[in-house]
């Protein structure tokens, strides 16, 4: 699956990958935290091009369908707050 580049806050930049084919009936979320000195703003930059030393953190978590739906709800609430919706 494709990765989502997150580079809006330099010292918390990285990539997120979401996949449903790792553990049956769970959604796998993997996050790569990339060193802030590395510029990943280029449209062509991808996690596959990183050296091991560029990744300063990596986490994977498995969500049940219910947990994934709750995450979607919480993300939607956060988005609405930022956009000024209630």
C-alpha atoms as a PDB file:
ATOM      1  CA  UNK A   1       0.000   0.000   0.000  1.00  0.00           C
ATOM      2  CA  UNK A   2       1.094   3.584  -0.462  1.00  0.00           C
ATOM      3  CA  UNK A   3       2.431   5.672   2.354  1.00  0.00           C
ATOM      4  CA  UNK A   4       1.225   9.054   3.538  1.00  0.00           C
ATOM      5  CA  UNK A   5       3.996  11.627   3.829  1.00  0.00           C
ATOM      6  CA  UNK A   6       3.631  13.812   6.926  1.00  0.00           C
ATOM      7  CA  UNK A   7       5.988  16.769   6.914  1.00  0.00           C
ATOM      8  CA  UNK A   8       3.952  19.703   8.224  1.00  0.00           C
ATOM      9  CA  UNK A   9       5.982  19.857  11.463  1.00  0.00           C
ATOM     10  CA  UNK A  10       9.645  19.261  10.682  1.00  0.00           C
ATOM     11  CA  UNK A  11      10.667  17.680  14.003  1.00  0.00           C
ATOM     12  CA  UNK A  12       7.708  15.261  13.778  1.00  0.00           C
ATOM     13  CA  UNK A  13       7.953  14.334  10.115  1.00  0.00           C
ATOM     14  CA  UNK A  14       7.685  10.890   8.634  1.00  0.00           C
ATOM     15  CA  UNK A  15       5.431   8.443   6.840  1.00  0.00           C
ATOM     16  CA  UNK A  16       2.286   6.498   7.731  1.00  0.00           C
ATOM     17  CA  UNK A  17       1.271   3.244   6.103  1.00  0.00           C
ATOM     18  CA  UNK A  18      -2.107   1.560   6.562  1.00  0.00           C
ATOM     19  CA  UNK A  19      -2.645  -2.058   5.524  1.00  0.00           C
ATOM     20  CA  UNK A  20      -5.291  -4.682   6.192  1.00  0.00           C
ATOM     21  CA  UNK A  21      -3.365  -7.724   4.998  1.00  0.00           C
ATOM     22  CA  UNK A  22      -0.981  -8.311   7.927  1.00  0.00           C
ATOM     23  CA  UNK A  23      -3.107  -9.946  10.640  1.00  0.00           C
ATOM     24  CA  UNK A  24      -6.588 -11.165   9.736  1.00  0.00           C
ATOM     25  CA  UNK A  25      -9.464  -8.851  10.610  1.00  0.00           C
ATOM     26  CA  UNK A  26      -7.127  -6.113  11.882  1.00  0.00           C
ATOM     27  CA  UNK A  27      -5.901  -2.869  10.370  1.00  0.00           C
ATOM     28  CA  UNK A  28      -2.128  -2.451  10.565  1.00  0.00           C
ATOM     29  CA  UNK A  29      -0.758   1.060  11.004  1.00  0.00           C
ATOM     30  CA  UNK A  30       2.988   1.598  10.687  1.00  0.00           C
ATOM     31  CA  UNK A  31       4.692   4.928  11.295  1.00  0.00           C
ATOM     32  CA  UNK A  32       8.249   5.903  10.372  1.00  0.00           C
ATOM     33  CA  UNK A  33       9.575   8.981  12.200  1.00  0.00           C
ATOM     34  CA  UNK A  34      12.244  10.632  10.034  1.00  0.00           C
ATOM     35  CA  UNK A  35      15.170  12.690  11.352  1.00  0.00           C
ATOM     36  CA  UNK A  36      14.287  16.416  11.240  1.00  0.00           C
ATOM     37  CA  UNK A  37      17.517  17.294   9.400  1.00  0.00           C
ATOM     38  CA  UNK A  38      16.353  15.263   6.407  1.00  0.00           C
ATOM     39  CA  UNK A  39      14.244  17.094   3.814  1.00  0.00           C
ATOM     40  CA  UNK A  40      11.300  14.917   2.755  1.00  0.00           C
ATOM     41  CA  UNK A  41       9.340  17.773   1.181  1.00  0.00           C
ATOM     42  CA  UNK A  42      10.328  16.693  -2.333  1.00  0.00           C
ATOM     43  CA  UNK A  43       7.391  15.150  -4.169  1.00  0.00           C
ATOM     44  CA  UNK A  44       9.561  12.167  -5.125  1.00  0.00           C
ATOM     45  CA  UNK A  45      10.793  11.413  -1.582  1.00  0.00           C
ATOM     46  CA  UNK A  46       9.664   8.049  -0.287  1.00  0.00           C
ATOM     47  CA  UNK A  47      10.346   5.922   2.764  1.00  0.00           C
ATOM     48  CA  UNK A  48      12.003   3.319   0.509  1.00  0.00           C
ATOM     49  CA  UNK A  49      14.759   5.853  -0.258  1.00  0.00           C
ATOM     50  CA  UNK A  50      15.700   6.342   3.408  1.00  0.00           C
ATOM     51  CA  UNK A  51      18.839   5.021   5.040  1.00  0.00           C
ATOM     52  CA  UNK A  52      18.482   3.209   8.364  1.00  0.00           C
ATOM     53  CA  UNK A  53      20.046   6.225  10.125  1.00  0.00           C
ATOM     54  CA  UNK A  54      17.352   8.538   8.654  1.00  0.00           C
ATOM     55  CA  UNK A  55      14.593   6.707  10.550  1.00  0.00           C
ATOM     56  CA  UNK A  56      14.653   7.705  14.211  1.00  0.00           C
ATOM     57  CA  UNK A  57      11.529   5.790  15.210  1.00  0.00           C
ATOM     58  CA  UNK A  58       9.255   3.088  13.868  1.00  0.00           C
ATOM     59  CA  UNK A  59       6.018   1.794  15.361  1.00  0.00           C
ATOM     60  CA  UNK A  60       3.421  -0.717  14.223  1.00  0.00           C
ATOM     61  CA  UNK A  61       0.043  -1.277  15.815  1.00  0.00           C
ATOM     62  CA  UNK A  62      -2.905  -3.495  14.986  1.00  0.00           C
ATOM     63  CA  UNK A  63      -6.441  -2.099  15.270  1.00  0.00           C
ATOM     64  CA  UNK A  64      -9.663  -4.072  15.314  1.00  0.00           C
ATOM     65  CA  UNK A  65     -12.349  -2.809  12.952  1.00  0.00           C
ATOM     66  CA  UNK A  66     -14.087  -1.137  15.910  1.00  0.00           C
ATOM     67  CA  UNK A  67     -10.859   0.580  16.994  1.00  0.00           C
ATOM     68  CA  UNK A  68     -10.202   1.748  13.428  1.00  0.00           C
ATOM     69  CA  UNK A  69     -13.717   3.195  13.242  1.00  0.00           C
ATOM     70  CA  UNK A  70     -13.129   5.010  16.544  1.00  0.00           C
ATOM     71  CA  UNK A  71      -9.852   6.405  15.167  1.00  0.00           C
ATOM     72  CA  UNK A  72     -11.699   7.660  12.084  1.00  0.00           C
ATOM     73  CA  UNK A  73     -14.272   9.337  14.337  1.00  0.00           C
ATOM     74  CA  UNK A  74     -11.559  10.996  16.472  1.00  0.00           C
ATOM     75  CA  UNK A  75      -9.700  12.176  13.358  1.00  0.00           C
ATOM     76  CA  UNK A  76     -12.927  13.627  11.958  1.00  0.00           C
ATOM     77  CA  UNK A  77     -13.541  15.518  15.210  1.00  0.00           C
ATOM     78  CA  UNK A  78     -10.014  16.943  15.068  1.00  0.00           C
ATOM     79  CA  UNK A  79     -10.406  17.928  11.415  1.00  0.00           C
ATOM     80  CA  UNK A  80     -13.708  19.664  12.131  1.00  0.00           C
ATOM     81  CA  UNK A  81     -12.151  21.625  15.015  1.00  0.00           C
ATOM     82  CA  UNK A  82      -9.317  22.825  12.786  1.00  0.00           C
ATOM     83  CA  UNK A  83     -11.730  23.779  10.007  1.00  0.00           C
ATOM     84  CA  UNK A  84     -13.951  25.612  12.511  1.00  0.00           C
ATOM     85  CA  UNK A  85     -16.882  23.244  12.214  1.00  0.00           C
ATOM     86  CA  UNK A  86     -18.797  21.984  15.222  1.00  0.00           C
END
